[in-house]
Amino acid sequence: MADQRVPIAPLLAAYGVAATVTRPVPENTPIATTAIWVGLPVANAQPYGTDFRAREPRRRLDLVRSAVPTLPRGTTIAAPEIQGGAVKTWRVDGYADDQDDPQVWRALVVLTQ
């Protein structure tokens, strides 16, 4: 069966926003790239007994692996939520469960400012 996924290049051209990725030291040289927001913010489920802990909704941001070879937790990404919008700083907090595309990072990010 042939791969039915849409190639990433047309998606980046249609829906991408400019992003600057800064990984933790020692790979902290900023990388200018394009990213795609996927879906709406998701509130995290919490285990029993943690009701008073602050929760920040996480967003999913897809990045091309060829542009960003590694994407460790704690990486910061400066990107607007919409094309032409205000640039905000996001922190990689985890990864989406569907990491099935070897060309794309599916990062879960939280707003830092």
PDB file of N, CA and C in Angstrom:
ATOM      1  N   MET A   1       0.838  -1.174   0.000  1.00  0.00           N
ATOM      2  CA  MET A   1       0.000   0.000   0.000  1.00  0.00           C
ATOM      3  C   MET A   1       0.887   1.243   0.000  1.00  0.00           C
ATOM      4  N   ALA A   2       0.553   2.213  -0.799  1.00  0.00           N
ATOM      5  CA  ALA A   2       1.337   3.442  -0.920  1.00  0.00           C
ATOM      6  C   ALA A   2       1.078   4.361   0.276  1.00  0.00           C
ATOM      7  N   ASP A   3       2.060   5.182   0.571  1.00  0.00           N
ATOM      8  CA  ASP A   3       1.954   6.152   1.664  1.00  0.00           C
ATOM      9  C   ASP A   3       0.932   7.219   1.269  1.00  0.00           C
ATOM     10  N   GLN A   4      -0.102   7.405   2.072  1.00  0.00           N
ATOM     11  CA  GLN A   4      -1.185   8.335   1.747  1.00  0.00           C
ATOM     12  C   GLN A   4      -1.042   9.692   2.432  1.00  0.00           C
ATOM     13  N   ARG A   5       0.044   9.879   3.191  1.00  0.00           N
ATOM     14  CA  ARG A   5       0.221  11.156   3.875  1.00  0.00           C
ATOM     15  C   ARG A   5       0.544  12.266   2.878  1.00  0.00           C
ATOM     16  N   VAL A   6       0.076  13.476   3.195  1.00  0.00           N
ATOM     17  CA  VAL A   6       0.383  14.634   2.374  1.00  0.00           C
ATOM     18  C   VAL A   6       1.844  15.003   2.633  1.00  0.00           C
ATOM     19  N   PRO A   7       2.642  15.267   1.607  1.00  0.00           N
ATOM     20  CA  PRO A   7       4.031  15.676   1.826  1.00  0.00           C
ATOM     21  C   PRO A   7       4.085  16.960   2.659  1.00  0.00           C
ATOM     22  N   ILE A   8       5.146  17.133   3.417  1.00  0.00           N
ATOM     23  CA  ILE A   8       5.258  18.260   4.337  1.00  0.00           C
ATOM     24  C   ILE A   8       5.465  19.594   3.607  1.00  0.00           C
ATOM     25  N   ALA A   9       6.126  19.610   2.470  1.00  0.00           N
ATOM     26  CA  ALA A   9       6.432  20.872   1.772  1.00  0.00           C
ATOM     27  C   ALA A   9       5.178  21.693   1.449  1.00  0.00           C
ATOM     28  N   PRO A  10       4.115  21.116   0.872  1.00  0.00           N
ATOM     29  CA  PRO A  10       2.919  21.923   0.602  1.00  0.00           C
ATOM     30  C   PRO A  10       2.241  22.415   1.882  1.00  0.00           C
ATOM     31  N   LEU A  11       2.305  21.617   2.939  1.00  0.00           N
ATOM     32  CA  LEU A  11       1.723  22.037   4.217  1.00  0.00           C
ATOM     33  C   LEU A  11       2.474  23.234   4.791  1.00  0.00           C
ATOM     34  N   LEU A  12       3.803  23.187   4.715  1.00  0.00           N
ATOM     35  CA  LEU A  12       4.610  24.313   5.191  1.00  0.00           C
ATOM     36  C   LEU A  12       4.310  25.580   4.401  1.00  0.00           C
ATOM     37  N   ALA A  13       4.176  25.427   3.082  1.00  0.00           N
ATOM     38  CA  ALA A  13       3.906  26.588   2.235  1.00  0.00           C
ATOM     39  C   ALA A  13       2.529  27.190   2.532  1.00  0.00           C
ATOM     40  N   ALA A  14       1.549  26.353   2.804  1.00  0.00           N
ATOM     41  CA  ALA A  14       0.190  26.835   3.024  1.00  0.00           C
ATOM     42  C   ALA A  14      -0.066  27.308   4.451  1.00  0.00           C
ATOM     43  N   TYR A  15       0.454  26.579   5.438  1.00  0.00           N
ATOM     44  CA  TYR A  15       0.088  26.836   6.831  1.00  0.00           C
ATOM     45  C   TYR A  15       1.258  27.195   7.741  1.00  0.00           C
ATOM     46  N   GLY A  16       2.452  27.217   7.214  1.00  0.00           N
ATOM     47  CA  GLY A  16       3.631  27.417   8.049  1.00  0.00           C
ATOM     48  C   GLY A  16       3.783  28.831   8.573  1.00  0.00           C
ATOM     49  N   VAL A  17       4.428  28.921   9.728  1.00  0.00           N
ATOM     50  CA  VAL A  17       4.803  30.213  10.316  1.00  0.00           C
ATOM     51  C   VAL A  17       6.311  30.198  10.524  1.00  0.00           C
ATOM     52  N   ALA A  18       6.922  31.370  10.447  1.00  0.00           N
ATOM     53  CA  ALA A  18       8.364  31.465  10.686  1.00  0.00           C
ATOM     54  C   ALA A  18       8.641  31.129  12.153  1.00  0.00           C
ATOM     55  N   ALA A  19       9.683  30.359  12.384  1.00  0.00           N
ATOM     56  CA  ALA A  19      10.033  29.961  13.743  1.00  0.00           C
ATOM     57  C   ALA A  19      11.546  29.983  13.908  1.00  0.00           C
ATOM     58  N   THR A  20      11.984  30.332  15.107  1.00  0.00           N
ATOM     59  CA  THR A  20      13.397  30.259  15.453  1.00  0.00           C
ATOM     60  C   THR A  20      13.533  29.280  16.609  1.00  0.00           C
ATOM     61  N   VAL A  21      14.280  28.213  16.369  1.00  0.00           N
ATOM     62  CA  VAL A  21      14.458  27.141  17.344  1.00  0.00           C
ATOM     63  C   VAL A  21      15.811  27.307  18.017  1.00  0.00           C
ATOM     64  N   THR A  22      15.823  27.316  19.355  1.00  0.00           N
ATOM     65  CA  THR A  22      17.071  27.407  20.108  1.00  0.00           C
ATOM     66  C   THR A  22      17.128  26.237  21.081  1.00  0.00           C
ATOM     67  N   ARG A  23      17.999  25.295  20.793  1.00  0.00           N
ATOM     68  CA  ARG A  23      18.146  24.110  21.636  1.00  0.00           C
ATOM     69  C   ARG A  23      19.049  24.423  22.823  1.00  0.00           C
ATOM     70  N   PRO A  24      19.008  23.590  23.863  1.00  0.00           N
ATOM     71  CA  PRO A  24      19.894  23.805  25.013  1.00  0.00           C
ATOM     72  C   PRO A  24      21.365  23.661  24.630  1.00  0.00           C
ATOM     73  N   VAL A  25      22.236  24.195  25.476  1.00  0.00           N
ATOM     74  CA  VAL A  25      23.692  24.091  25.299  1.00  0.00           C
ATOM     75  C   VAL A  25      24.057  22.613  25.235  1.00  0.00           C
ATOM     76  N   PRO A  26      24.934  22.179  24.377  1.00  0.00           N
ATOM     77  CA  PRO A  26      25.887  22.903  23.561  1.00  0.00           C
ATOM     78  C   PRO A  26      25.392  23.193  22.145  1.00  0.00           C
ATOM     79  N   GLU A  27      24.194  22.753  21.794  1.00  0.00           N
ATOM     80  CA  GLU A  27      23.672  22.944  20.429  1.00  0.00           C
ATOM     81  C   GLU A  27      22.766  24.172  20.360  1.00  0.00           C
ATOM     82  N   ASN A  28      23.168  25.277  20.992  1.00  0.00           N
ATOM     83  CA  ASN A  28      22.268  26.403  21.161  1.00  0.00           C
ATOM     84  C   ASN A  28      22.343  27.469  20.070  1.00  0.00           C
ATOM     85  N   THR A  29      22.882  27.146  18.928  1.00  0.00           N
ATOM     86  CA  THR A  29      22.856  28.071  17.802  1.00  0.00           C
ATOM     87  C   THR A  29      21.420  28.146  17.281  1.00  0.00           C
ATOM     88  N   PRO A  30      20.824  29.356  17.209  1.00  0.00           N
ATOM     89  CA  PRO A  30      19.440  29.467  16.729  1.00  0.00           C
ATOM     90  C   PRO A  30      19.286  28.953  15.285  1.00  0.00           C
ATOM     91  N   ILE A  31      18.181  28.277  15.044  1.00  0.00           N
ATOM     92  CA  ILE A  31      17.876  27.733  13.720  1.00  0.00           C
ATOM     93  C   ILE A  31      16.599  28.393  13.216  1.00  0.00           C
ATOM     94  N   ALA A  32      16.689  29.101  12.092  1.00  0.00           N
ATOM     95  CA  ALA A  32      15.502  29.704  11.469  1.00  0.00           C
ATOM     96  C   ALA A  32      14.846  28.646  10.590  1.00  0.00           C
ATOM     97  N   THR A  33      13.564  28.428  10.781  1.00  0.00           N
ATOM     98  CA  THR A  33      12.850  27.400  10.035  1.00  0.00           C
ATOM     99  C   THR A  33      11.379  27.787   9.927  1.00  0.00           C
ATOM    100  N   THR A  34      10.570  26.871   9.459  1.00  0.00           N
ATOM    101  CA  THR A  34       9.121  27.048   9.369  1.00  0.00           C
ATOM    102  C   THR A  34       8.465  25.941  10.170  1.00  0.00           C
ATOM    103  N   ALA A  35       7.391  26.282  10.878  1.00  0.00           N
ATOM    104  CA  ALA A  35       6.675  25.314  11.702  1.00  0.00           C
ATOM    105  C   ALA A  35       5.186  25.373  11.397  1.00  0.00           C
ATOM    106  N   ILE A  36       4.473  24.332  11.781  1.00  0.00           N
ATOM    107  CA  ILE A  36       3.033  24.259  11.558  1.00  0.00           C
ATOM    108  C   ILE A  36       2.346  23.970  12.884  1.00  0.00           C
ATOM    109  N   TRP A  37       1.367  24.807  13.249  1.00  0.00           N
ATOM    110  CA  TRP A  37       0.546  24.541  14.424  1.00  0.00           C
ATOM    111  C   TRP A  37      -0.504  23.506  14.049  1.00  0.00           C
ATOM    112  N   VAL A  38      -0.709  22.523  14.923  1.00  0.00           N
ATOM    113  CA  VAL A  38      -1.682  21.468  14.651  1.00  0.00           C
ATOM    114  C   VAL A  38      -2.687  21.427  15.799  1.00  0.00           C
ATOM    115  N   GLY A  39      -3.949  21.631  15.491  1.00  0.00           N
ATOM    116  CA  GLY A  39      -5.004  21.525  16.497  1.00  0.00           C
ATOM    117  C   GLY A  39      -5.029  22.671  17.481  1.00  0.00           C
ATOM    118  N   LEU A  40      -5.851  22.509  18.513  1.00  0.00           N
ATOM    119  CA  LEU A  40      -6.064  23.508  19.544  1.00  0.00           C
ATOM    120  C   LEU A  40      -5.316  23.123  20.804  1.00  0.00           C
ATOM    121  N   PRO A  41      -5.167  24.070  21.766  1.00  0.00           N
ATOM    122  CA  PRO A  41      -4.504  23.722  23.028  1.00  0.00           C
ATOM    123  C   PRO A  41      -5.189  22.554  23.716  1.00  0.00           C
ATOM    124  N   VAL A  42      -4.386  21.724  24.367  1.00  0.00           N
ATOM    125  CA  VAL A  42      -4.895  20.543  25.064  1.00  0.00           C
ATOM    126  C   VAL A  42      -4.527  20.661  26.532  1.00  0.00           C
ATOM    127  N   ALA A  43      -5.527  20.574  27.428  1.00  0.00           N
ATOM    128  CA  ALA A  43      -5.236  20.571  28.863  1.00  0.00           C
ATOM    129  C   ALA A  43      -4.794  19.167  29.241  1.00  0.00           C
ATOM    130  N   ASN A  44      -3.797  19.069  30.079  1.00  0.00           N
ATOM    131  CA  ASN A  44      -3.264  17.777  30.482  1.00  0.00           C
ATOM    132  C   ASN A  44      -4.102  17.166  31.596  1.00  0.00           C
ATOM    133  N   ALA A  45      -4.359  15.893  31.497  1.00  0.00           N
ATOM    134  CA  ALA A  45      -5.020  15.184  32.588  1.00  0.00           C
ATOM    135  C   ALA A  45      -4.024  15.056  33.732  1.00  0.00           C
ATOM    136  N   GLN A  46      -4.525  15.135  34.960  1.00  0.00           N
ATOM    137  CA  GLN A  46      -3.637  15.035  36.113  1.00  0.00           C
ATOM    138  C   GLN A  46      -4.056  13.870  36.984  1.00  0.00           C
ATOM    139  N   PRO A  47      -3.103  13.201  37.604  1.00  0.00           N
ATOM    140  CA  PRO A  47      -3.449  12.117  38.507  1.00  0.00           C
ATOM    141  C   PRO A  47      -4.116  12.649  39.775  1.00  0.00           C
ATOM    142  N   TYR A  48      -4.830  11.787  40.466  1.00  0.00           N
ATOM    143  CA  TYR A  48      -5.519  12.137  41.706  1.00  0.00           C
ATOM    144  C   TYR A  48      -4.531  12.722  42.710  1.00  0.00           C
ATOM    145  N   GLY A  49      -4.945  13.795  43.384  1.00  0.00           N
ATOM    146  CA  GLY A  49      -4.101  14.398  44.410  1.00  0.00           C
ATOM    147  C   GLY A  49      -3.252  15.544  43.914  1.00  0.00           C
ATOM    148  N   THR A  50      -3.384  15.909  42.654  1.00  0.00           N
ATOM    149  CA  THR A  50      -2.581  17.013  42.118  1.00  0.00           C
ATOM    150  C   THR A  50      -3.471  18.155  41.641  1.00  0.00           C
ATOM    151  N   ASP A  51      -4.655  18.286  42.233  1.00  0.00           N
ATOM    152  CA  ASP A  51      -5.637  19.260  41.768  1.00  0.00           C
ATOM    153  C   ASP A  51      -5.185  20.711  41.886  1.00  0.00           C
ATOM    154  N   PHE A  52      -4.260  20.999  42.793  1.00  0.00           N
ATOM    155  CA  PHE A  52      -3.879  22.382  43.022  1.00  0.00           C
ATOM    156  C   PHE A  52      -2.631  22.805  42.272  1.00  0.00           C
ATOM    157  N   ARG A  53      -2.079  21.923  41.514  1.00  0.00           N
ATOM    158  CA  ARG A  53      -0.914  22.258  40.705  1.00  0.00           C
ATOM    159  C   ARG A  53      -1.360  23.044  39.476  1.00  0.00           C
ATOM    160  N   ALA A  54      -0.585  24.033  39.086  1.00  0.00           N
ATOM    161  CA  ALA A  54      -0.927  24.817  37.895  1.00  0.00           C
ATOM    162  C   ALA A  54      -0.799  23.948  36.649  1.00  0.00           C
ATOM    163  N   ARG A  55      -1.729  24.125  35.745  1.00  0.00           N
ATOM    164  CA  ARG A  55      -1.686  23.403  34.476  1.00  0.00           C
ATOM    165  C   ARG A  55      -1.659  24.408  33.349  1.00  0.00           C
ATOM    166  N   GLU A  56      -0.766  24.196  32.417  1.00  0.00           N
ATOM    167  CA  GLU A  56      -0.728  25.029  31.232  1.00  0.00           C
ATOM    168  C   GLU A  56      -1.158  24.174  30.051  1.00  0.00           C
ATOM    169  N   PRO A  57      -2.042  24.701  29.222  1.00  0.00           N
ATOM    170  CA  PRO A  57      -2.413  23.918  28.047  1.00  0.00           C
ATOM    171  C   PRO A  57      -1.214  23.774  27.109  1.00  0.00           C
ATOM    172  N   ARG A  58      -1.075  22.603  26.539  1.00  0.00           N
ATOM    173  CA  ARG A  58       0.014  22.367  25.597  1.00  0.00           C
ATOM    174  C   ARG A  58      -0.531  22.454  24.180  1.00  0.00           C
ATOM    175  N   ARG A  59       0.316  22.912  23.286  1.00  0.00           N
ATOM    176  CA  ARG A  59      -0.007  22.996  21.865  1.00  0.00           C
ATOM    177  C   ARG A  59       0.922  22.069  21.112  1.00  0.00           C
ATOM    178  N   ARG A  60       0.499  21.647  19.928  1.00  0.00           N
ATOM    179  CA  ARG A  60       1.358  20.807  19.099  1.00  0.00           C
ATOM    180  C   ARG A  60       1.903  21.647  17.963  1.00  0.00           C
ATOM    181  N   LEU A  61       3.218  21.584  17.815  1.00  0.00           N
ATOM    182  CA  LEU A  61       3.925  22.328  16.775  1.00  0.00           C
ATOM    183  C   LEU A  61       4.787  21.334  16.016  1.00  0.00           C
ATOM    184  N   ASP A  62       4.591  21.247  14.718  1.00  0.00           N
ATOM    185  CA  ASP A  62       5.354  20.317  13.887  1.00  0.00           C
ATOM    186  C   ASP A  62       6.517  21.048  13.221  1.00  0.00           C
ATOM    187  N   LEU A  63       7.689  20.404  13.258  1.00  0.00           N
ATOM    188  CA  LEU A  63       8.913  20.945  12.653  1.00  0.00           C
ATOM    189  C   LEU A  63       9.558  19.870  11.792  1.00  0.00           C
ATOM    190  N   VAL A  64      10.200  20.287  10.724  1.00  0.00           N
ATOM    191  CA  VAL A  64      10.867  19.341   9.827  1.00  0.00           C
ATOM    192  C   VAL A  64      12.194  18.907  10.452  1.00  0.00           C
ATOM    193  N   ARG A  65      12.415  17.601  10.512  1.00  0.00           N
ATOM    194  CA  ARG A  65      13.634  17.063  11.128  1.00  0.00           C
ATOM    195  C   ARG A  65      14.899  17.413  10.351  1.00  0.00           C
ATOM    196  N   SER A  66      14.803  17.585   9.052  1.00  0.00           N
ATOM    197  CA  SER A  66      16.013  17.924   8.287  1.00  0.00           C
ATOM    198  C   SER A  66      16.505  19.329   8.644  1.00  0.00           C
ATOM    199  N   ALA A  67      15.603  20.216   9.059  1.00  0.00           N
ATOM    200  CA  ALA A  67      15.994  21.563   9.468  1.00  0.00           C
ATOM    201  C   ALA A  67      16.449  21.605  10.921  1.00  0.00           C
ATOM    202  N   VAL A  68      15.827  20.769  11.757  1.00  0.00           N
ATOM    203  CA  VAL A  68      16.134  20.714  13.192  1.00  0.00           C
ATOM    204  C   VAL A  68      16.466  19.256  13.520  1.00  0.00           C
ATOM    205  N   PRO A  69      17.765  18.881  13.475  1.00  0.00           N
ATOM    206  CA  PRO A  69      18.130  17.474  13.637  1.00  0.00           C
ATOM    207  C   PRO A  69      17.812  16.870  14.999  1.00  0.00           C
ATOM    208  N   THR A  70      17.897  17.668  16.073  1.00  0.00           N
ATOM    209  CA  THR A  70      17.528  17.183  17.400  1.00  0.00           C
ATOM    210  C   THR A  70      16.595  18.206  18.033  1.00  0.00           C
ATOM    211  N   LEU A  71      15.686  17.738  18.872  1.00  0.00           N
ATOM    212  CA  LEU A  71      14.721  18.628  19.509  1.00  0.00           C
ATOM    213  C   LEU A  71      14.487  18.158  20.950  1.00  0.00           C
ATOM    214  N   PRO A  72      15.474  18.393  21.833  1.00  0.00           N
ATOM    215  CA  PRO A  72      15.319  17.935  23.213  1.00  0.00           C
ATOM    216  C   PRO A  72      14.296  18.774  23.986  1.00  0.00           C
ATOM    217  N   ARG A  73      13.765  18.181  25.049  1.00  0.00           N
ATOM    218  CA  ARG A  73      12.885  18.939  25.948  1.00  0.00           C
ATOM    219  C   ARG A  73      13.648  20.146  26.466  1.00  0.00           C
ATOM    220  N   GLY A  74      12.946  21.249  26.652  1.00  0.00           N
ATOM    221  CA  GLY A  74      13.585  22.473  27.102  1.00  0.00           C
ATOM    222  C   GLY A  74      13.991  23.386  25.966  1.00  0.00           C
ATOM    223  N   THR A  75      13.944  22.895  24.744  1.00  0.00           N
ATOM    224  CA  THR A  75      14.229  23.736  23.574  1.00  0.00           C
ATOM    225  C   THR A  75      13.207  24.863  23.524  1.00  0.00           C
ATOM    226  N   THR A  76      13.647  26.068  23.187  1.00  0.00           N
ATOM    227  CA  THR A  76      12.700  27.173  23.034  1.00  0.00           C
ATOM    228  C   THR A  76      12.469  27.448  21.551  1.00  0.00           C
ATOM    229  N   ILE A  77      11.244  27.837  21.255  1.00  0.00           N
ATOM    230  CA  ILE A  77      10.847  28.125  19.883  1.00  0.00           C
ATOM    231  C   ILE A  77      10.119  29.468  19.882  1.00  0.00           C
ATOM    232  N   ALA A  78      10.639  30.420  19.119  1.00  0.00           N
ATOM    233  CA  ALA A  78       9.990  31.719  18.962  1.00  0.00           C
ATOM    234  C   ALA A  78       9.172  31.667  17.679  1.00  0.00           C
ATOM    235  N   ALA A  79       7.847  31.775  17.828  1.00  0.00           N
ATOM    236  CA  ALA A  79       6.964  31.677  16.663  1.00  0.00           C
ATOM    237  C   ALA A  79       5.627  32.340  16.968  1.00  0.00           C
ATOM    238  N   PRO A  80       4.993  32.928  15.956  1.00  0.00           N
ATOM    239  CA  PRO A  80       3.638  33.461  16.158  1.00  0.00           C
ATOM    240  C   PRO A  80       2.626  32.318  16.076  1.00  0.00           C
ATOM    241  N   GLU A  81       1.454  32.542  16.649  1.00  0.00           N
ATOM    242  CA  GLU A  81       0.407  31.520  16.554  1.00  0.00           C
ATOM    243  C   GLU A  81      -0.267  31.522  15.190  1.00  0.00           C
ATOM    244  N   ILE A  82      -0.249  32.685  14.522  1.00  0.00           N
ATOM    245  CA  ILE A  82      -0.805  32.795  13.173  1.00  0.00           C
ATOM    246  C   ILE A  82       0.167  33.604  12.326  1.00  0.00           C
ATOM    247  N   GLN A  83       0.101  33.435  11.021  1.00  0.00           N
ATOM    248  CA  GLN A  83       0.966  34.203  10.131  1.00  0.00           C
ATOM    249  C   GLN A  83       0.735  35.689  10.351  1.00  0.00           C
ATOM    250  N   GLY A  84       1.819  36.431  10.567  1.00  0.00           N
ATOM    251  CA  GLY A  84       1.726  37.861  10.784  1.00  0.00           C
ATOM    252  C   GLY A  84       1.395  38.254  12.215  1.00  0.00           C
ATOM    253  N   GLY A  85       1.198  37.276  13.092  1.00  0.00           N
ATOM    254  CA  GLY A  85       0.870  37.555  14.487  1.00  0.00           C
ATOM    255  C   GLY A  85       2.107  37.886  15.303  1.00  0.00           C
ATOM    256  N   ALA A  86       1.879  38.213  16.572  1.00  0.00           N
ATOM    257  CA  ALA A  86       2.983  38.527  17.480  1.00  0.00           C
ATOM    258  C   ALA A  86       3.789  37.268  17.778  1.00  0.00           C
ATOM    259  N   VAL A  87       5.098  37.412  17.767  1.00  0.00           N
ATOM    260  CA  VAL A  87       5.978  36.280  18.066  1.00  0.00           C
ATOM    261  C   VAL A  87       5.963  36.030  19.569  1.00  0.00           C
ATOM    262  N   LYS A  88       5.763  34.768  19.948  1.00  0.00           N
ATOM    263  CA  LYS A  88       5.761  34.349  21.347  1.00  0.00           C
ATOM    264  C   LYS A  88       6.830  33.283  21.530  1.00  0.00           C
ATOM    265  N   THR A  89       7.258  33.102  22.760  1.00  0.00           N
ATOM    266  CA  THR A  89       8.270  32.087  23.041  1.00  0.00           C
ATOM    267  C   THR A  89       7.607  30.867  23.670  1.00  0.00           C
ATOM    268  N   TRP A  90       7.915  29.708  23.107  1.00  0.00           N
ATOM    269  CA  TRP A  90       7.343  28.433  23.530  1.00  0.00           C
ATOM    270  C   TRP A  90       8.474  27.526  23.977  1.00  0.00           C
ATOM    271  N   ARG A  91       8.194  26.585  24.875  1.00  0.00           N
ATOM    272  CA  ARG A  91       9.186  25.617  25.351  1.00  0.00           C
ATOM    273  C   ARG A  91       8.690  24.210  25.046  1.00  0.00           C
ATOM    274  N   VAL A  92       9.580  23.371  24.504  1.00  0.00           N
ATOM    275  CA  VAL A  92       9.222  21.979  24.218  1.00  0.00           C
ATOM    276  C   VAL A  92       9.060  21.257  25.552  1.00  0.00           C
ATOM    277  N   ASP A  93       7.853  20.704  25.763  1.00  0.00           N
ATOM    278  CA  ASP A  93       7.495  20.058  27.018  1.00  0.00           C
ATOM    279  C   ASP A  93       7.315  18.556  26.857  1.00  0.00           C
ATOM    280  N   GLY A  94       7.290  18.081  25.627  1.00  0.00           N
ATOM    281  CA  GLY A  94       7.088  16.659  25.371  1.00  0.00           C
ATOM    282  C   GLY A  94       6.860  16.450  23.884  1.00  0.00           C
ATOM    283  N   TYR A  95       6.371  15.266  23.568  1.00  0.00           N
ATOM    284  CA  TYR A  95       6.178  14.904  22.165  1.00  0.00           C
ATOM    285  C   TYR A  95       4.834  14.219  22.005  1.00  0.00           C
ATOM    286  N   ALA A  96       4.182  14.444  20.876  1.00  0.00           N
ATOM    287  CA  ALA A  96       2.889  13.814  20.598  1.00  0.00           C
ATOM    288  C   ALA A  96       3.082  12.308  20.471  1.00  0.00           C
ATOM    289  N   ASP A  97       2.020  11.581  20.757  1.00  0.00           N
ATOM    290  CA  ASP A  97       2.081  10.123  20.708  1.00  0.00           C
ATOM    291  C   ASP A  97       2.229   9.578  19.295  1.00  0.00           C
ATOM    292  N   ASP A  98       1.835  10.346  18.306  1.00  0.00           N
ATOM    293  CA  ASP A  98       1.853   9.851  16.920  1.00  0.00           C
ATOM    294  C   ASP A  98       3.124  10.278  16.181  1.00  0.00           C
ATOM    295  N   GLN A  99       4.276   9.860  16.665  1.00  0.00           N
ATOM    296  CA  GLN A  99       5.564  10.172  16.027  1.00  0.00           C
ATOM    297  C   GLN A  99       5.827   9.168  14.904  1.00  0.00           C
ATOM    298  N   ASP A 100       4.877   9.041  13.985  1.00  0.00           N
ATOM    299  CA  ASP A 100       4.977   8.035  12.935  1.00  0.00           C
ATOM    300  C   ASP A 100       5.630   8.532  11.657  1.00  0.00           C
ATOM    301  N   ASP A 101       5.882   9.827  11.565  1.00  0.00           N
ATOM    302  CA  ASP A 101       6.480  10.388  10.357  1.00  0.00           C
ATOM    303  C   ASP A 101       7.957  10.673  10.624  1.00  0.00           C
ATOM    304  N   PRO A 102       8.868   9.964   9.948  1.00  0.00           N
ATOM    305  CA  PRO A 102      10.295  10.168  10.209  1.00  0.00           C
ATOM    306  C   PRO A 102      10.826  11.518   9.744  1.00  0.00           C
ATOM    307  N   GLN A 103      10.012  12.303   9.028  1.00  0.00           N
ATOM    308  CA  GLN A 103      10.451  13.604   8.540  1.00  0.00           C
ATOM    309  C   GLN A 103      10.058  14.753   9.464  1.00  0.00           C
ATOM    310  N   VAL A 104       9.186  14.497  10.453  1.00  0.00           N
ATOM    311  CA  VAL A 104       8.599  15.584  11.234  1.00  0.00           C
ATOM    312  C   VAL A 104       8.705  15.326  12.731  1.00  0.00           C
ATOM    313  N   TRP A 105       9.110  16.374  13.489  1.00  0.00           N
ATOM    314  CA  TRP A 105       9.001  16.364  14.949  1.00  0.00           C
ATOM    315  C   TRP A 105       7.589  16.826  15.284  1.00  0.00           C
ATOM    316  N   ARG A 106       6.927  16.143  16.161  1.00  0.00           N
ATOM    317  CA  ARG A 106       5.610  16.544  16.637  1.00  0.00           C
ATOM    318  C   ARG A 106       5.764  16.940  18.103  1.00  0.00           C
ATOM    319  N   ALA A 107       6.151  18.199  18.320  1.00  0.00           N
ATOM    320  CA  ALA A 107       6.469  18.670  19.662  1.00  0.00           C
ATOM    321  C   ALA A 107       5.248  19.228  20.372  1.00  0.00           C
ATOM    322  N   LEU A 108       5.135  18.939  21.664  1.00  0.00           N
ATOM    323  CA  LEU A 108       4.149  19.558  22.515  1.00  0.00           C
ATOM    324  C   LEU A 108       4.842  20.700  23.226  1.00  0.00           C
ATOM    325  N   VAL A 109       4.298  21.909  23.090  1.00  0.00           N
ATOM    326  CA  VAL A 109       4.938  23.097  23.615  1.00  0.00           C
ATOM    327  C   VAL A 109       4.018  23.851  24.576  1.00  0.00           C
ATOM    328  N   VAL A 110       4.621  24.602  25.502  1.00  0.00           N
ATOM    329  CA  VAL A 110       3.873  25.474  26.405  1.00  0.00           C
ATOM    330  C   VAL A 110       4.408  26.890  26.239  1.00  0.00           C
ATOM    331  N   LEU A 111       3.544  27.856  26.442  1.00  0.00           N
ATOM    332  CA  LEU A 111       3.903  29.255  26.335  1.00  0.00           C
ATOM    333  C   LEU A 111       4.783  29.646  27.522  1.00  0.00           C
ATOM    334  N   THR A 112       5.883  30.359  27.255  1.00  0.00           N
ATOM    335  CA  THR A 112       6.781  30.744  28.341  1.00  0.00           C
ATOM    336  C   THR A 112       6.646  32.213  28.701  1.00  0.00           C
ATOM    337  N   GLN A 113       6.095  33.022  27.830  1.00  0.00           N
ATOM    338  CA  GLN A 113       5.926  34.449  28.154  1.00  0.00           C
ATOM    339  C   GLN A 113       4.620  34.979  27.663  1.00  0.00           C
TER     340      GLN A 113
END
